Amino acid sequence: MTMQDTQSTPPPTYSIIFDNLDFFIRTHHQSIIQKNQSIHWIHHIAVQDRIPTYHLNNNKPIQDFLEYELEKSLPGLETQTYMRREFIVIGSRMLTKYLSVLKPFSDIVVHHMPHDYTDEMAQRSIDYPLGLLFKDENKTTDLVDVLQHLQNEYVPNGPDVISNLLVGGDRLTEGNCRNIQWAFADGDTKKDRLKGMVFKFEDWHAIRVLFEIHYRIFYNAASAKDHGTLYVNMSKLRYSS
């Protein structure tokens, strides 16, 4: 690879994911000096984007707003045809999964709809551990320090422009980070206003919260007489086996 190729190839883009690391240290013999400790730290990683987006232009609109036709916002014949093909695939998956008479056909249905980036999205994520931050995200002052650290260390910063960096976490983290960003809205520069970060909610947190809610509602010893609860079903399986 020549020096010219190196300069013309832009670096890969990435996002930052961080979450709290909580643990409890229990002391065998407590005293005034030596007590139980509740530790709250933050671990963060950088996840490389599988698909580069340098070919997308964010500096100008696709079309002038005054020339835009409202009917383009409605699904046309081409969009409806495309959606119909997808619904057929999704419907075939559901039928072969939940109807016992159709389960023998589960091997011939389409389990993945190919697209332009199928090969790239099939690869494992490339992530880089960035270490621990000895801060508690539940404390506003500590979270401010964390966001300023991310802004200064990881947000791409050119001489005249600051690129946006996606920063992900759970729902509470996203809300707290947005509030802090709004609180810094009166800063003199984009860097002071923490404008280089765009906060988002990670999907796996939603799945985890869903399981926690399901467990808290249905897996309850007091629901032993409520048919259909998780506790009753597990009890029937346990004693019937």
C-alpha atoms as a PDB file:
ATOM      1  CA  MET A   1       0.000   0.000   0.000  1.00  0.00           C
ATOM      2  CA  THR A   2       1.435   3.349  -1.023  1.00  0.00           C
ATOM      3  CA  MET A   3       1.421   6.564   0.980  1.00  0.00           C
ATOM      4  CA  GLN A   4      -1.174   7.992  -1.425  1.00  0.00           C
ATOM      5  CA  ASP A   5      -3.552   5.048  -0.832  1.00  0.00           C
ATOM      6  CA  THR A   6      -3.152   5.442   2.934  1.00  0.00           C
ATOM      7  CA  GLN A   7      -4.062   9.116   2.788  1.00  0.00           C
ATOM      8  CA  SER A   8      -7.061   8.564   0.480  1.00  0.00           C
ATOM      9  CA  THR A   9      -8.542   5.783   2.638  1.00  0.00           C
ATOM     10  CA  PRO A  10     -10.510   7.310   5.534  1.00  0.00           C
ATOM     11  CA  PRO A  11     -10.214   5.686   8.958  1.00  0.00           C
ATOM     12  CA  PRO A  12     -13.011   3.369  10.134  1.00  0.00           C
ATOM     13  CA  THR A  13     -15.815   4.917  12.119  1.00  0.00           C
ATOM     14  CA  TYR A  14     -16.911   3.641  15.514  1.00  0.00           C
ATOM     15  CA  SER A  15     -19.267   4.179  18.422  1.00  0.00           C
ATOM     16  CA  ILE A  16     -18.721   4.165  22.177  1.00  0.00           C
ATOM     17  CA  ILE A  17     -20.716   1.871  24.460  1.00  0.00           C
ATOM     18  CA  PHE A  18     -20.512   2.230  28.225  1.00  0.00           C
ATOM     19  CA  ASP A  19     -22.329   0.737  31.188  1.00  0.00           C
ATOM     20  CA  ASN A  20     -22.072   0.701  34.948  1.00  0.00           C
ATOM     21  CA  LEU A  21     -20.039  -1.945  36.773  1.00  0.00           C
ATOM     22  CA  ASP A  22     -21.482  -2.407  40.275  1.00  0.00           C
ATOM     23  CA  PHE A  23     -20.247  -4.788  42.955  1.00  0.00           C
ATOM     24  CA  PHE A  24     -20.294  -5.058  46.728  1.00  0.00           C
ATOM     25  CA  ILE A  25     -17.315  -5.808  48.969  1.00  0.00           C
ATOM     26  CA  ARG A  26     -18.400  -7.289  52.274  1.00  0.00           C
ATOM     27  CA  THR A  27     -16.002  -6.919  55.191  1.00  0.00           C
ATOM     28  CA  HIS A  28     -15.709  -9.866  57.584  1.00  0.00           C
ATOM     29  CA  HIS A  29     -14.866  -7.705  60.614  1.00  0.00           C
ATOM     30  CA  GLN A  30     -16.357  -4.227  60.373  1.00  0.00           C
ATOM     31  CA  SER A  31     -14.937  -1.266  62.198  1.00  0.00           C
ATOM     32  CA  ILE A  32     -15.031   2.510  61.957  1.00  0.00           C
ATOM     33  CA  ILE A  33     -12.197   2.404  59.423  1.00  0.00           C
ATOM     34  CA  GLN A  34     -13.038  -0.836  57.657  1.00  0.00           C
ATOM     35  CA  LYS A  35     -16.628  -0.993  56.374  1.00  0.00           C
ATOM     36  CA  ASN A  36     -18.632  -2.672  53.650  1.00  0.00           C
ATOM     37  CA  GLN A  37     -18.114  -1.012  50.288  1.00  0.00           C
ATOM     38  CA  SER A  38     -20.561  -0.497  47.442  1.00  0.00           C
ATOM     39  CA  ILE A  39     -18.435   0.123  44.352  1.00  0.00           C
ATOM     40  CA  HIS A  40     -19.798   1.822  41.219  1.00  0.00           C
ATOM     41  CA  TRP A  41     -17.489   2.108  38.199  1.00  0.00           C
ATOM     42  CA  ILE A  42     -17.978   2.460  34.448  1.00  0.00           C
ATOM     43  CA  HIS A  43     -16.536   0.255  31.732  1.00  0.00           C
ATOM     44  CA  HIS A  44     -16.562   1.417  28.112  1.00  0.00           C
ATOM     45  CA  ILE A  45     -15.644  -0.027  24.736  1.00  0.00           C
ATOM     46  CA  ALA A  46     -15.314   1.202  21.160  1.00  0.00           C
ATOM     47  CA  VAL A  47     -17.258  -0.770  18.544  1.00  0.00           C
ATOM     48  CA  GLN A  48     -16.133  -0.415  14.947  1.00  0.00           C
ATOM     49  CA  ASP A  49     -18.866   0.212  12.391  1.00  0.00           C
ATOM     50  CA  ARG A  50     -19.212  -2.661   9.941  1.00  0.00           C
ATOM     51  CA  ILE A  51     -20.327  -0.404   7.070  1.00  0.00           C
ATOM     52  CA  PRO A  52     -18.597   2.940   6.354  1.00  0.00           C
ATOM     53  CA  THR A  53     -20.826   5.930   5.700  1.00  0.00           C
ATOM     54  CA  TYR A  54     -18.342   8.291   4.084  1.00  0.00           C
ATOM     55  CA  HIS A  55     -20.211   8.032   0.772  1.00  0.00           C
ATOM     56  CA  LEU A  56     -23.294   9.668   2.329  1.00  0.00           C
ATOM     57  CA  ASN A  57     -23.510  13.442   2.049  1.00  0.00           C
ATOM     58  CA  ASN A  58     -24.852  15.260   5.122  1.00  0.00           C
ATOM     59  CA  ASN A  59     -24.052  18.776   3.928  1.00  0.00           C
ATOM     60  CA  LYS A  60     -26.948  19.311   1.547  1.00  0.00           C
ATOM     61  CA  PRO A  61     -30.523  17.992   1.176  1.00  0.00           C
ATOM     62  CA  ILE A  62     -31.478  15.552  -1.551  1.00  0.00           C
ATOM     63  CA  GLN A  63     -34.096  17.936  -2.924  1.00  0.00           C
ATOM     64  CA  ASP A  64     -35.264  21.472  -2.314  1.00  0.00           C
ATOM     65  CA  PHE A  65     -38.059  21.537   0.265  1.00  0.00           C
ATOM     66  CA  LEU A  66     -40.340  23.750  -1.823  1.00  0.00           C
ATOM     67  CA  GLU A  67     -40.127  21.292  -4.732  1.00  0.00           C
ATOM     68  CA  TYR A  68     -40.881  18.248  -2.605  1.00  0.00           C
ATOM     69  CA  GLU A  69     -44.158  16.487  -3.399  1.00  0.00           C
ATOM     70  CA  LEU A  70     -46.154  15.254  -0.405  1.00  0.00           C
ATOM     71  CA  GLU A  71     -47.228  12.077  -2.201  1.00  0.00           C
ATOM     72  CA  LYS A  72     -43.621  10.854  -2.024  1.00  0.00           C
ATOM     73  CA  SER A  73     -44.046  10.394   1.728  1.00  0.00           C
ATOM     74  CA  LEU A  74     -46.775   7.819   1.117  1.00  0.00           C
ATOM     75  CA  PRO A  75     -45.870   4.219   0.199  1.00  0.00           C
ATOM     76  CA  GLY A  76     -46.148   3.839  -3.549  1.00  0.00           C
ATOM     77  CA  LEU A  77     -46.622   0.725  -5.656  1.00  0.00           C
ATOM     78  CA  GLU A  78     -42.926  -0.180  -5.524  1.00  0.00           C
ATOM     79  CA  THR A  79     -42.800   0.156  -1.732  1.00  0.00           C
ATOM     80  CA  GLN A  80     -45.998  -1.860  -1.301  1.00  0.00           C
ATOM     81  CA  THR A  81     -44.615  -4.645  -3.519  1.00  0.00           C
ATOM     82  CA  TYR A  82     -41.405  -4.734  -1.531  1.00  0.00           C
ATOM     83  CA  MET A  83     -43.280  -4.832   1.783  1.00  0.00           C
ATOM     84  CA  ARG A  84     -45.514  -7.644   0.489  1.00  0.00           C
ATOM     85  CA  ARG A  85     -42.438  -9.773  -0.292  1.00  0.00           C
ATOM     86  CA  GLU A  86     -41.084  -9.187   3.215  1.00  0.00           C
ATOM     87  CA  PHE A  87     -44.421 -10.007   4.870  1.00  0.00           C
ATOM     88  CA  ILE A  88     -44.572 -13.277   2.939  1.00  0.00           C
ATOM     89  CA  VAL A  89     -41.148 -14.259   4.281  1.00  0.00           C
ATOM     90  CA  ILE A  90     -42.001 -13.243   7.852  1.00  0.00           C
ATOM     91  CA  GLY A  91     -45.360 -15.012   7.667  1.00  0.00           C
ATOM     92  CA  SER A  92     -43.777 -18.234   6.444  1.00  0.00           C
ATOM     93  CA  ARG A  93     -41.390 -18.166   9.396  1.00  0.00           C
ATOM     94  CA  MET A  94     -44.211 -17.751  11.900  1.00  0.00           C
ATOM     95  CA  LEU A  95     -46.388 -20.448  10.328  1.00  0.00           C
ATOM     96  CA  THR A  96     -43.600 -23.043  10.313  1.00  0.00           C
ATOM     97  CA  LYS A  97     -42.593 -22.120  13.846  1.00  0.00           C
ATOM     98  CA  TYR A  98     -45.945 -22.181  15.648  1.00  0.00           C
ATOM     99  CA  LEU A  99     -48.080 -24.600  13.593  1.00  0.00           C
ATOM    100  CA  SER A 100     -47.037 -28.179  14.183  1.00  0.00           C
ATOM    101  CA  VAL A 101     -48.375 -29.415  10.833  1.00  0.00           C
ATOM    102  CA  LEU A 102     -46.111 -26.943   8.997  1.00  0.00           C
ATOM    103  CA  LYS A 103     -42.960 -27.428  11.079  1.00  0.00           C
ATOM    104  CA  PRO A 104     -41.505 -30.001   8.614  1.00  0.00           C
ATOM    105  CA  PHE A 105     -41.206 -27.100   6.128  1.00  0.00           C
ATOM    106  CA  SER A 106     -39.150 -24.925   8.503  1.00  0.00           C
ATOM    107  CA  ASP A 107     -35.924 -25.922   6.733  1.00  0.00           C
ATOM    108  CA  ILE A 108     -36.996 -24.541   3.361  1.00  0.00           C
ATOM    109  CA  VAL A 109     -38.342 -21.137   4.388  1.00  0.00           C
ATOM    110  CA  VAL A 110     -36.217 -18.026   4.011  1.00  0.00           C
ATOM    111  CA  HIS A 111     -34.637 -17.258   7.395  1.00  0.00           C
ATOM    112  CA  HIS A 112     -32.682 -14.235   6.242  1.00  0.00           C
ATOM    113  CA  MET A 113     -33.661 -11.653   3.654  1.00  0.00           C
ATOM    114  CA  PRO A 114     -30.529 -10.721   1.688  1.00  0.00           C
ATOM    115  CA  HIS A 115     -29.620  -7.075   1.178  1.00  0.00           C
ATOM    116  CA  ASP A 116     -26.692  -5.017  -0.088  1.00  0.00           C
ATOM    117  CA  TYR A 117     -24.747  -5.398   3.161  1.00  0.00           C
ATOM    118  CA  THR A 118     -25.552  -9.008   4.054  1.00  0.00           C
ATOM    119  CA  ASP A 119     -21.911 -10.122   4.072  1.00  0.00           C
ATOM    120  CA  GLU A 120     -20.757  -7.205   6.212  1.00  0.00           C
ATOM    121  CA  MET A 121     -23.554  -7.570   8.768  1.00  0.00           C
ATOM    122  CA  ALA A 122     -22.898 -11.314   9.074  1.00  0.00           C
ATOM    123  CA  GLN A 123     -19.444 -10.628  10.513  1.00  0.00           C
ATOM    124  CA  ARG A 124     -18.750 -10.403  14.218  1.00  0.00           C
ATOM    125  CA  SER A 125     -18.400  -6.964  15.750  1.00  0.00           C
ATOM    126  CA  ILE A 126     -14.893  -5.642  16.237  1.00  0.00           C
ATOM    127  CA  ASP A 127     -14.636  -3.959  19.622  1.00  0.00           C
ATOM    128  CA  TYR A 128     -11.771  -2.468  21.598  1.00  0.00           C
ATOM    129  CA  PRO A 129     -11.863  -2.320  25.422  1.00  0.00           C
ATOM    130  CA  LEU A 130     -11.117   1.193  26.658  1.00  0.00           C
ATOM    131  CA  GLY A 131     -10.728   0.322  30.325  1.00  0.00           C
ATOM    132  CA  LEU A 132     -12.491   1.370  33.497  1.00  0.00           C
ATOM    133  CA  LEU A 133     -13.539   4.832  34.594  1.00  0.00           C
ATOM    134  CA  PHE A 134     -13.666   5.107  38.353  1.00  0.00           C
ATOM    135  CA  LYS A 135     -16.838   7.175  38.287  1.00  0.00           C
ATOM    136  CA  ASP A 136     -20.435   6.573  39.384  1.00  0.00           C
ATOM    137  CA  GLU A 137     -22.872   7.366  36.553  1.00  0.00           C
ATOM    138  CA  ASN A 138     -25.669   7.833  39.122  1.00  0.00           C
ATOM    139  CA  LYS A 139     -23.860  10.962  40.358  1.00  0.00           C
ATOM    140  CA  THR A 140     -24.285  13.974  38.106  1.00  0.00           C
ATOM    141  CA  THR A 141     -20.790  15.339  38.706  1.00  0.00           C
ATOM    142  CA  ASP A 142     -19.200  11.989  37.872  1.00  0.00           C
ATOM    143  CA  LEU A 143     -21.272  11.588  34.718  1.00  0.00           C
ATOM    144  CA  VAL A 144     -20.253  15.080  33.616  1.00  0.00           C
ATOM    145  CA  ASP A 145     -16.607  14.052  33.987  1.00  0.00           C
ATOM    146  CA  VAL A 146     -17.273  10.910  31.941  1.00  0.00           C
ATOM    147  CA  LEU A 147     -18.950  12.803  29.092  1.00  0.00           C
ATOM    148  CA  GLN A 148     -16.201  15.405  29.006  1.00  0.00           C
ATOM    149  CA  HIS A 149     -13.664  12.571  28.892  1.00  0.00           C
ATOM    150  CA  LEU A 150     -15.468  10.961  25.942  1.00  0.00           C
ATOM    151  CA  GLN A 151     -15.757  14.313  24.189  1.00  0.00           C
ATOM    152  CA  ASN A 152     -12.065  15.121  24.579  1.00  0.00           C
ATOM    153  CA  GLU A 153     -10.636  11.668  23.897  1.00  0.00           C
ATOM    154  CA  TYR A 154     -12.842   9.956  21.308  1.00  0.00           C
ATOM    155  CA  VAL A 155     -14.960  12.471  19.386  1.00  0.00           C
ATOM    156  CA  PRO A 156     -13.289  13.147  15.987  1.00  0.00           C
ATOM    157  CA  ASN A 157     -12.274  16.779  16.118  1.00  0.00           C
ATOM    158  CA  GLY A 158     -10.984  18.659  13.076  1.00  0.00           C
ATOM    159  CA  PRO A 159      -9.754  22.235  12.832  1.00  0.00           C
ATOM    160  CA  ASP A 160     -13.172  23.602  11.870  1.00  0.00           C
ATOM    161  CA  VAL A 161     -15.724  20.875  12.566  1.00  0.00           C
ATOM    162  CA  ILE A 162     -16.603  18.249  15.176  1.00  0.00           C
ATOM    163  CA  SER A 163     -17.907  14.950  13.862  1.00  0.00           C
ATOM    164  CA  ASN A 164     -20.781  13.210  15.590  1.00  0.00           C
ATOM    165  CA  LEU A 165     -20.050  10.114  17.667  1.00  0.00           C
ATOM    166  CA  LEU A 166     -22.769   7.653  18.698  1.00  0.00           C
ATOM    167  CA  VAL A 167     -22.674   6.862  22.423  1.00  0.00           C
ATOM    168  CA  GLY A 168     -24.837   3.994  23.666  1.00  0.00           C
ATOM    169  CA  GLY A 169     -26.018   2.702  27.018  1.00  0.00           C
ATOM    170  CA  ASP A 170     -29.181   1.715  28.846  1.00  0.00           C
ATOM    171  CA  ARG A 171     -32.317   3.841  28.964  1.00  0.00           C
ATOM    172  CA  LEU A 172     -31.407   5.599  32.215  1.00  0.00           C
ATOM    173  CA  THR A 173     -27.910   6.390  30.948  1.00  0.00           C
ATOM    174  CA  GLU A 174     -29.296   7.818  27.728  1.00  0.00           C
ATOM    175  CA  GLY A 175     -31.727  10.072  29.588  1.00  0.00           C
ATOM    176  CA  ASN A 176     -29.135  11.296  32.079  1.00  0.00           C
ATOM    177  CA  CYS A 177     -26.628  12.023  29.309  1.00  0.00           C
ATOM    178  CA  ARG A 178     -29.172  14.020  27.324  1.00  0.00           C
ATOM    179  CA  ASN A 179     -30.039  16.086  30.403  1.00  0.00           C
ATOM    180  CA  ILE A 180     -26.393  16.909  30.971  1.00  0.00           C
ATOM    181  CA  GLN A 181     -25.936  17.823  27.313  1.00  0.00           C
ATOM    182  CA  TRP A 182     -28.915  20.185  27.553  1.00  0.00           C
ATOM    183  CA  ALA A 183     -27.478  21.688  30.743  1.00  0.00           C
ATOM    184  CA  PHE A 184     -24.272  22.539  28.835  1.00  0.00           C
ATOM    185  CA  ALA A 185     -26.183  24.126  25.940  1.00  0.00           C
ATOM    186  CA  ASP A 186     -24.940  27.610  26.848  1.00  0.00           C
ATOM    187  CA  GLY A 187     -21.281  26.759  26.186  1.00  0.00           C
ATOM    188  CA  ASP A 188     -19.186  28.938  23.897  1.00  0.00           C
ATOM    189  CA  THR A 189     -18.106  26.172  21.497  1.00  0.00           C
ATOM    190  CA  LYS A 190     -19.537  22.871  20.295  1.00  0.00           C
ATOM    191  CA  LYS A 191     -16.945  21.109  22.389  1.00  0.00           C
ATOM    192  CA  ASP A 192     -18.075  22.985  25.499  1.00  0.00           C
ATOM    193  CA  ARG A 193     -21.701  22.123  24.673  1.00  0.00           C
ATOM    194  CA  LEU A 194     -20.797  18.406  24.337  1.00  0.00           C
ATOM    195  CA  LYS A 195     -22.231  18.525  20.831  1.00  0.00           C
ATOM    196  CA  GLY A 196     -19.978  15.807  19.478  1.00  0.00           C
ATOM    197  CA  MET A 197     -22.017  12.978  21.046  1.00  0.00           C
ATOM    198  CA  VAL A 198     -25.348  11.535  19.926  1.00  0.00           C
ATOM    199  CA  PHE A 199     -26.818   9.316  22.636  1.00  0.00           C
ATOM    200  CA  LYS A 200     -28.747   6.151  21.865  1.00  0.00           C
ATOM    201  CA  PHE A 201     -30.371   3.231  23.627  1.00  0.00           C
ATOM    202  CA  GLU A 202     -28.889  -0.250  23.155  1.00  0.00           C
ATOM    203  CA  ASP A 203     -31.394  -2.924  22.128  1.00  0.00           C
ATOM    204  CA  TRP A 204     -30.029  -5.656  24.386  1.00  0.00           C
ATOM    205  CA  HIS A 205     -30.976  -3.552  27.398  1.00  0.00           C
ATOM    206  CA  ALA A 206     -34.606  -3.597  26.257  1.00  0.00           C
ATOM    207  CA  ILE A 207     -34.543  -7.400  26.054  1.00  0.00           C
ATOM    208  CA  ARG A 208     -33.028  -7.635  29.508  1.00  0.00           C
ATOM    209  CA  VAL A 209     -35.624  -5.263  30.991  1.00  0.00           C
ATOM    210  CA  LEU A 210     -38.380  -7.310  29.343  1.00  0.00           C
ATOM    211  CA  PHE A 211     -37.129 -10.513  30.970  1.00  0.00           C
ATOM    212  CA  GLU A 212     -36.867  -8.772  34.350  1.00  0.00           C
ATOM    213  CA  ILE A 213     -40.462  -7.540  34.100  1.00  0.00           C
ATOM    214  CA  HIS A 214     -41.674 -10.979  33.023  1.00  0.00           C
ATOM    215  CA  TYR A 215     -39.844 -12.636  35.916  1.00  0.00           C
ATOM    216  CA  ARG A 216     -41.100 -10.112  38.480  1.00  0.00           C
ATOM    217  CA  ILE A 217     -44.755 -10.437  37.435  1.00  0.00           C
ATOM    218  CA  PHE A 218     -45.106 -14.135  36.687  1.00  0.00           C
ATOM    219  CA  TYR A 219     -42.439 -15.835  38.798  1.00  0.00           C
ATOM    220  CA  ASN A 220     -43.909 -15.108  42.201  1.00  0.00           C
ATOM    221  CA  ALA A 221     -44.489 -17.650  44.975  1.00  0.00           C
ATOM    222  CA  ALA A 222     -47.717 -15.861  45.882  1.00  0.00           C
ATOM    223  CA  SER A 223     -49.136 -16.705  42.444  1.00  0.00           C
ATOM    224  CA  ALA A 224     -49.311 -20.454  43.136  1.00  0.00           C
ATOM    225  CA  LYS A 225     -53.103 -20.415  42.617  1.00  0.00           C
ATOM    226  CA  ASP A 226     -53.072 -18.224  39.521  1.00  0.00           C
ATOM    227  CA  HIS A 227     -53.228 -20.482  36.490  1.00  0.00           C
ATOM    228  CA  GLY A 228     -51.007 -19.469  33.615  1.00  0.00           C
ATOM    229  CA  THR A 229     -48.275 -17.851  35.689  1.00  0.00           C
ATOM    230  CA  LEU A 230     -44.682 -18.904  35.315  1.00  0.00           C
ATOM    231  CA  TYR A 231     -44.559 -20.246  38.867  1.00  0.00           C
ATOM    232  CA  VAL A 232     -47.567 -22.544  38.331  1.00  0.00           C
ATOM    233  CA  ASN A 233     -46.264 -23.835  35.004  1.00  0.00           C
ATOM    234  CA  MET A 234     -42.847 -24.614  36.440  1.00  0.00           C
ATOM    235  CA  SER A 235     -44.437 -26.384  39.386  1.00  0.00           C
ATOM    236  CA  LYS A 236     -46.519 -28.569  37.073  1.00  0.00           C
ATOM    237  CA  LEU A 237     -43.472 -29.475  35.010  1.00  0.00           C
ATOM    238  CA  ARG A 238     -41.486 -30.255  38.134  1.00  0.00           C
ATOM    239  CA  TYR A 239     -44.018 -32.602  39.714  1.00  0.00           C
ATOM    240  CA  SER A 240     -45.191 -34.215  36.480  1.00  0.00           C
ATOM    241  CA  SER A 241     -41.705 -35.278  35.408  1.00  0.00           C
END
